[in-house]
N, C-alpha and C. Protein backbone atom coordinates (compact mmCIF):
# COMPACT_ATOMS: atom_id res chain seq x y z
N MET A 1 -17.03 -9.81 -21.41
CA MET A 1 -17.46 -8.74 -20.87
C MET A 1 -16.01 -8.03 -20.09
N LYS A 2 -15.60 -6.66 -20.39
CA LYS A 2 -14.61 -6.15 -19.50
C LYS A 2 -14.63 -6.04 -18.14
N LYS A 3 -13.53 -6.24 -17.16
CA LYS A 3 -14.15 -5.63 -16.31
C LYS A 3 -13.33 -4.74 -15.37
N ILE A 4 -13.96 -3.91 -14.52
CA ILE A 4 -13.58 -2.89 -14.28
C ILE A 4 -13.89 -2.27 -12.54
N LEU A 5 -12.45 -1.92 -12.27
CA LEU A 5 -12.50 -2.04 -10.98
C LEU A 5 -12.53 -0.56 -10.40
N LEU A 6 -13.49 -0.20 -10.33
CA LEU A 6 -14.02 1.19 -9.74
C LEU A 6 -13.48 1.33 -7.96
N ALA A 7 -13.02 2.35 -8.03
CA ALA A 7 -12.77 3.07 -6.64
C ALA A 7 -13.15 4.24 -5.95
N ASP A 8 -13.73 4.38 -5.03
CA ASP A 8 -14.09 6.13 -4.63
C ASP A 8 -15.02 5.54 -3.23
N ASP A 9 -14.94 6.50 -2.68
CA ASP A 9 -15.50 6.11 -0.96
C ASP A 9 -17.14 7.13 -1.19
N GLU A 10 -17.37 7.55 -2.29
CA GLU A 10 -18.82 8.48 -2.47
C GLU A 10 -19.47 7.22 -2.75
N LYS A 11 -20.63 6.28 -1.78
CA LYS A 11 -21.16 5.32 -1.99
C LYS A 11 -22.12 5.33 -3.10
N ASN A 12 -22.85 6.91 -3.25
CA ASN A 12 -23.75 6.89 -3.86
C ASN A 12 -23.45 7.27 -5.65
N PHE A 13 -21.92 8.30 -5.44
CA PHE A 13 -22.24 8.29 -6.40
C PHE A 13 -20.78 6.64 -7.59
N ALA A 14 -20.66 6.12 -6.45
CA ALA A 14 -19.72 4.69 -7.04
C ALA A 14 -21.01 4.08 -8.00
N GLU A 15 -22.31 3.73 -7.08
CA GLU A 15 -23.59 2.88 -7.30
C GLU A 15 -23.87 3.36 -8.64
N VAL A 16 -23.96 4.87 -8.89
CA VAL A 16 -24.59 5.12 -9.95
C VAL A 16 -23.76 5.31 -11.02
N LEU A 17 -22.60 5.37 -10.88
CA LEU A 17 -21.33 4.99 -11.83
C LEU A 17 -21.50 3.38 -12.39
N ARG A 18 -21.61 2.61 -11.18
CA ARG A 18 -21.48 1.47 -11.50
C ARG A 18 -22.66 1.02 -12.67
N SER A 19 -23.94 1.37 -12.17
CA SER A 19 -25.15 1.15 -12.66
C SER A 19 -25.14 1.73 -14.54
N GLU A 20 -24.37 2.76 -14.43
CA GLU A 20 -24.50 3.44 -15.86
C GLU A 20 -23.16 2.66 -16.60
N LEU A 21 -22.25 2.05 -15.95
CA LEU A 21 -21.40 1.18 -17.00
C LEU A 21 -22.10 -0.31 -16.54
N ASP A 22 -22.62 -0.79 -16.34
CA ASP A 22 -23.07 -2.28 -16.18
C ASP A 22 -24.21 -1.91 -17.48
N GLU A 23 -24.83 -0.91 -17.70
CA GLU A 23 -25.51 -0.59 -19.00
C GLU A 23 -24.94 -0.63 -20.19
N ALA A 24 -23.57 -0.07 -20.04
CA ALA A 24 -22.64 0.22 -21.27
C ALA A 24 -22.32 -1.16 -21.86
N GLY A 25 -22.65 -2.18 -20.74
CA GLY A 25 -22.05 -3.85 -21.00
C GLY A 25 -20.50 -3.99 -20.24
N TYR A 26 -20.42 -3.40 -19.16
CA TYR A 26 -18.61 -3.63 -18.60
C TYR A 26 -19.15 -4.33 -17.02
N ASN A 27 -18.72 -5.02 -16.63
CA ASN A 27 -18.61 -5.66 -15.38
C ASN A 27 -17.99 -4.83 -14.38
N VAL A 28 -18.55 -4.12 -13.53
CA VAL A 28 -18.19 -3.34 -12.58
C VAL A 28 -17.80 -3.98 -10.78
N SER A 29 -16.95 -3.83 -10.64
CA SER A 29 -16.26 -3.94 -9.07
C SER A 29 -16.12 -3.04 -8.14
N LEU A 30 -16.67 -2.68 -6.90
CA LEU A 30 -16.63 -1.72 -6.46
C LEU A 30 -15.48 -1.96 -5.38
N ALA A 31 -15.02 -0.91 -4.81
CA ALA A 31 -13.87 -1.04 -3.77
C ALA A 31 -14.07 0.68 -3.46
N ARG A 32 -14.02 0.82 -1.62
CA ARG A 32 -14.58 1.97 -1.12
C ARG A 32 -13.34 2.59 -0.64
N ASP A 33 -12.36 2.18 -0.84
CA ASP A 33 -10.56 2.99 -0.36
C ASP A 33 -9.59 2.13 -1.16
N GLY A 34 -8.46 3.05 -0.95
CA GLY A 34 -7.09 2.24 -1.57
C GLY A 34 -6.75 1.07 -1.49
N VAL A 35 -7.13 0.85 0.09
CA VAL A 35 -6.73 -0.55 0.25
C VAL A 35 -7.40 -1.19 -0.21
N GLU A 36 -8.88 -1.34 -0.08
CA GLU A 36 -9.50 -2.66 -1.16
C GLU A 36 -9.40 -2.55 -2.09
N THR A 37 -9.07 -1.36 -2.77
CA THR A 37 -8.83 -1.34 -4.49
C THR A 37 -7.46 -1.98 -4.35
N VAL A 38 -6.54 -2.27 -3.41
CA VAL A 38 -5.17 -2.86 -4.19
C VAL A 38 -5.39 -4.63 -3.69
N LEU A 39 -5.99 -4.74 -2.67
CA LEU A 39 -6.58 -6.12 -2.34
C LEU A 39 -7.53 -6.91 -3.22
N LYS A 40 -8.21 -6.12 -4.02
CA LYS A 40 -9.11 -6.79 -5.12
C LYS A 40 -8.05 -6.65 -6.64
N ALA A 41 -7.56 -6.35 -6.82
CA ALA A 41 -6.35 -5.98 -7.69
C ALA A 41 -5.45 -7.17 -7.78
N LEU A 42 -5.13 -7.78 -6.11
CA LEU A 42 -4.37 -8.83 -5.79
C LEU A 42 -5.02 -10.31 -6.50
N ASP A 43 -6.26 -10.27 -6.14
CA ASP A 43 -6.93 -11.67 -6.00
C ASP A 43 -7.65 -11.63 -7.64
N GLU A 44 -7.99 -10.49 -7.62
CA GLU A 44 -8.67 -10.49 -9.50
C GLU A 44 -8.15 -9.51 -10.63
N LYS A 45 -7.95 -10.28 -11.48
CA LYS A 45 -7.47 -9.67 -13.27
C LYS A 45 -8.73 -8.91 -13.43
N PHE A 46 -8.21 -7.61 -13.61
CA PHE A 46 -9.30 -6.34 -14.17
C PHE A 46 -8.72 -6.06 -15.62
N ASP A 47 -9.52 -5.47 -16.69
CA ASP A 47 -9.38 -4.99 -17.62
C ASP A 47 -8.66 -3.28 -17.32
N MET A 48 -9.34 -2.79 -16.69
CA MET A 48 -8.86 -1.46 -15.97
C MET A 48 -9.30 -1.05 -14.78
N ALA A 49 -8.53 0.19 -14.16
CA ALA A 49 -9.43 0.34 -12.89
C ALA A 49 -9.64 1.89 -12.95
N MET A 50 -10.68 2.29 -12.45
CA MET A 50 -10.77 3.98 -12.05
C MET A 50 -10.96 4.28 -10.23
N LEU A 51 -10.01 5.04 -10.29
CA LEU A 51 -10.08 5.90 -8.93
C LEU A 51 -10.08 7.06 -8.43
N ASP A 52 -10.68 7.15 -7.49
CA ASP A 52 -11.03 8.78 -6.99
C ASP A 52 -9.46 8.98 -6.13
N ILE A 53 -9.07 10.23 -6.61
CA ILE A 53 -7.84 10.09 -5.62
C ILE A 53 -8.06 10.67 -4.49
N MET A 54 -9.03 11.53 -3.38
CA MET A 54 -9.26 11.17 -2.36
C MET A 54 -10.17 10.31 -1.83
N MET A 55 -9.47 9.40 -1.25
CA MET A 55 -9.93 8.30 -0.56
C MET A 55 -9.43 7.79 1.15
N PRO A 56 -10.42 7.55 1.52
CA PRO A 56 -9.16 7.40 2.88
C PRO A 56 -8.36 6.01 2.96
N ASN A 57 -7.73 5.92 3.97
CA ASN A 57 -7.00 4.60 4.25
C ASN A 57 -6.07 4.83 3.46
N LEU A 58 -5.87 4.73 1.69
CA LEU A 58 -4.92 4.91 1.40
C LEU A 58 -5.66 5.44 -0.08
N ASP A 59 -4.52 6.50 -0.41
CA ASP A 59 -5.55 7.86 -1.31
C ASP A 59 -5.24 7.05 -2.58
N GLY A 60 -5.82 7.92 -3.52
CA GLY A 60 -5.60 6.79 -5.00
C GLY A 60 -4.41 7.12 -5.61
N ILE A 61 -3.59 8.35 -5.41
CA ILE A 61 -2.57 8.17 -6.12
C ILE A 61 -0.96 7.63 -5.68
N ASN A 62 -1.37 6.77 -4.28
CA ASN A 62 -0.60 5.45 -3.99
C ASN A 62 -1.44 4.26 -4.33
N ALA A 63 -2.16 4.54 -4.50
CA ALA A 63 -2.97 3.19 -5.34
C ALA A 63 -2.55 2.78 -6.02
N VAL A 64 -2.33 4.03 -7.50
CA VAL A 64 -2.63 3.75 -8.80
C VAL A 64 -0.79 2.86 -8.32
N ARG A 65 0.18 3.95 -7.73
CA ARG A 65 1.51 3.44 -7.86
C ARG A 65 1.73 2.05 -7.25
N ILE A 66 0.60 1.48 -6.90
CA ILE A 66 0.82 -0.03 -6.28
C ILE A 66 0.29 -0.89 -7.26
N LEU A 67 -0.71 -0.01 -8.00
CA LEU A 67 -1.64 -1.05 -9.17
C LEU A 67 -0.18 -0.95 -10.41
N ARG A 68 0.13 -0.27 -10.33
CA ARG A 68 1.11 -0.34 -11.26
C ARG A 68 2.26 -1.26 -11.13
N LYS A 69 2.45 -1.61 -9.96
CA LYS A 69 3.78 -3.13 -9.30
C LYS A 69 2.48 -4.13 -9.63
N ILE A 70 1.12 -4.41 -9.33
CA ILE A 70 0.59 -5.15 -9.77
C ILE A 70 0.74 -5.82 -10.98
N ASP A 71 0.39 -4.77 -11.61
CA ASP A 71 0.18 -4.99 -13.52
C ASP A 71 0.26 -3.56 -14.22
N PRO A 72 1.80 -3.71 -14.53
CA PRO A 72 2.19 -2.58 -15.24
C PRO A 72 1.44 -1.71 -16.45
N ASN A 73 0.68 -2.65 -17.10
CA ASN A 73 -0.03 -2.78 -18.21
C ASN A 73 -1.40 -2.17 -18.22
N LEU A 74 -1.82 -2.12 -16.63
CA LEU A 74 -3.29 -2.15 -16.44
C LEU A 74 -3.58 -0.54 -17.26
N PRO A 75 -4.88 -0.31 -17.72
CA PRO A 75 -5.09 1.35 -17.75
C PRO A 75 -5.65 2.15 -16.57
N ILE A 76 -5.33 2.84 -15.99
CA ILE A 76 -5.66 3.16 -15.00
C ILE A 76 -6.31 4.91 -15.24
N ILE A 77 -7.74 5.16 -14.68
CA ILE A 77 -8.08 6.38 -15.17
C ILE A 77 -8.32 6.81 -13.47
N THR A 78 -8.11 8.36 -13.25
CA THR A 78 -7.96 8.71 -11.92
C THR A 78 -9.15 10.05 -12.16
N PHE A 79 -9.77 10.40 -10.91
CA PHE A 79 -10.97 11.44 -11.10
C PHE A 79 -11.04 12.46 -9.71
N SER A 80 -11.68 13.30 -9.58
CA SER A 80 -11.35 13.87 -8.34
C SER A 80 -12.76 15.37 -8.32
N GLY A 81 -13.05 15.60 -7.69
CA GLY A 81 -13.74 16.84 -7.09
C GLY A 81 -13.39 17.77 -6.76
N VAL A 82 -12.11 17.36 -5.68
CA VAL A 82 -11.73 18.50 -4.60
C VAL A 82 -9.73 18.87 -4.90
N ALA A 83 -9.59 17.22 -5.79
CA ALA A 83 -7.88 17.55 -5.74
C ALA A 83 -7.56 19.02 -6.52
N GLY A 84 -6.42 19.60 -6.33
CA GLY A 84 -6.37 20.33 -7.26
C GLY A 84 -5.33 19.84 -8.36
N SER A 85 -4.76 21.07 -9.13
CA SER A 85 -4.24 20.32 -10.28
C SER A 85 -2.94 19.67 -10.09
N GLY A 86 -2.07 19.80 -9.30
CA GLY A 86 -1.01 19.01 -8.66
C GLY A 86 -1.11 17.59 -8.24
N ASP A 87 -2.22 17.62 -7.64
CA ASP A 87 -2.62 16.68 -7.38
C ASP A 87 -3.07 15.10 -8.68
N MET A 88 -3.63 16.23 -9.38
CA MET A 88 -4.22 15.43 -10.70
C MET A 88 -2.88 15.31 -11.51
N ALA A 89 -1.71 16.09 -11.37
CA ALA A 89 -0.46 15.89 -12.25
C ALA A 89 -0.18 14.49 -11.10
N SER A 90 0.14 14.66 -10.16
CA SER A 90 0.87 13.30 -9.54
C SER A 90 -0.10 12.36 -9.99
N SER A 91 -1.10 12.06 -10.22
CA SER A 91 -1.81 10.98 -10.48
C SER A 91 -1.18 10.31 -12.05
N ILE A 92 -0.99 11.36 -12.86
CA ILE A 92 -0.55 10.89 -13.96
C ILE A 92 0.88 10.24 -13.73
N ARG A 93 1.88 11.16 -13.21
CA ARG A 93 2.94 10.65 -12.93
C ARG A 93 3.33 9.05 -11.90
N ALA A 94 1.87 8.96 -11.26
CA ALA A 94 2.10 7.77 -10.82
C ALA A 94 1.75 6.45 -12.09
N GLY A 95 1.31 7.29 -12.36
CA GLY A 95 0.81 5.77 -13.56
C GLY A 95 -0.47 5.70 -14.27
N ALA A 96 -1.05 6.85 -13.75
CA ALA A 96 -2.61 7.04 -13.97
C ALA A 96 -2.36 7.57 -16.11
N ILE A 97 -3.56 7.02 -16.99
CA ILE A 97 -2.91 7.44 -18.11
C ILE A 97 -4.22 8.80 -18.25
N ARG A 98 -5.06 9.11 -17.63
CA ARG A 98 -5.98 10.09 -17.42
C ARG A 98 -6.69 10.60 -16.34
N CYS A 99 -6.98 11.79 -15.74
CA CYS A 99 -7.74 12.12 -14.45
C CYS A 99 -8.26 12.96 -15.41
N LEU A 100 -9.43 12.75 -14.64
CA LEU A 100 -10.49 13.57 -14.65
C LEU A 100 -11.29 14.28 -13.77
N THR A 101 -11.94 15.62 -13.75
CA THR A 101 -12.47 16.30 -12.90
C THR A 101 -14.38 16.29 -12.79
N LYS A 102 -14.49 15.82 -11.28
CA LYS A 102 -15.86 15.97 -11.11
C LYS A 102 -16.88 16.97 -11.17
N PRO A 103 -17.69 17.01 -11.71
CA PRO A 103 -18.44 15.90 -12.54
C PRO A 103 -18.28 15.90 -13.60
N PHE A 104 -18.17 14.85 -13.99
CA PHE A 104 -17.98 14.85 -15.56
C PHE A 104 -19.45 14.02 -16.18
N SER A 105 -19.38 13.87 -17.29
CA SER A 105 -20.68 13.06 -17.81
C SER A 105 -20.38 11.48 -18.43
N VAL A 106 -21.11 11.21 -18.12
CA VAL A 106 -21.40 9.25 -18.44
C VAL A 106 -20.71 9.19 -19.64
N GLU A 107 -21.09 10.15 -20.66
CA GLU A 107 -20.43 10.14 -22.11
C GLU A 107 -19.25 10.25 -22.31
N GLN A 108 -18.65 11.48 -21.86
CA GLN A 108 -17.11 11.67 -21.48
C GLN A 108 -15.98 10.53 -21.12
N LEU A 109 -17.12 9.77 -19.64
CA LEU A 109 -16.49 8.55 -19.22
C LEU A 109 -16.13 7.48 -20.11
N LEU A 110 -17.03 7.01 -21.15
CA LEU A 110 -17.44 5.99 -21.81
C LEU A 110 -16.53 6.47 -22.77
N THR A 111 -15.59 7.15 -23.56
CA THR A 111 -15.42 7.87 -24.33
C THR A 111 -13.90 7.35 -24.18
N GLU A 112 -13.40 7.81 -22.84
CA GLU A 112 -12.32 7.60 -22.03
C GLU A 112 -11.90 6.01 -21.54
N ILE A 113 -13.18 5.31 -21.53
CA ILE A 113 -12.68 3.94 -20.90
C ILE A 113 -12.66 3.25 -22.14
N LYS A 114 -13.22 3.52 -23.85
CA LYS A 114 -13.15 3.04 -24.64
C LYS A 114 -11.59 3.04 -25.39
N LYS A 115 -11.04 4.23 -25.20
CA LYS A 115 -10.07 4.80 -25.23
C LYS A 115 -8.96 3.59 -24.90
N ALA A 116 -9.34 3.60 -23.43
CA ALA A 116 -8.43 3.29 -22.57
C ALA A 116 -8.15 1.42 -23.02
N LEU A 117 -9.17 1.19 -23.41
CA LEU A 117 -9.81 -0.32 -23.68
C LEU A 117 -9.29 -0.40 -25.03
N HIS A 118 -8.92 0.70 -25.72
CA HIS A 118 -8.42 0.47 -27.15
C HIS A 118 -10.08 -0.23 -28.11
N GLU A 119 -11.11 -0.18 -27.60
CA GLU A 119 -12.38 -0.36 -28.30
C GLU A 119 -13.18 0.55 -29.28
């Protein structure tokens, strides 16, 4: 079972997404902010990470930069409901393979995950 690190400070959104991904056969670990994301990535090996761009303590863009140093090959998808195109482009420059705009469908997300994991 593939392990996904999911970081979003919107608890309800994160819980719903985790439930959908669990049903799709993924093992999902939640983080509430960028700092917790980095700490979990240092402690565990993940097959991919998904991060909200706008999070407290350490935003998603800087968390992506740190995750890239921890594991240069980790597939990372970012997403945001409020970030502008500049922030979305910055997340790609930082090392994300894709940036999605909220709201996105579960089907769209699963397609992106399968591509990232080469499934």
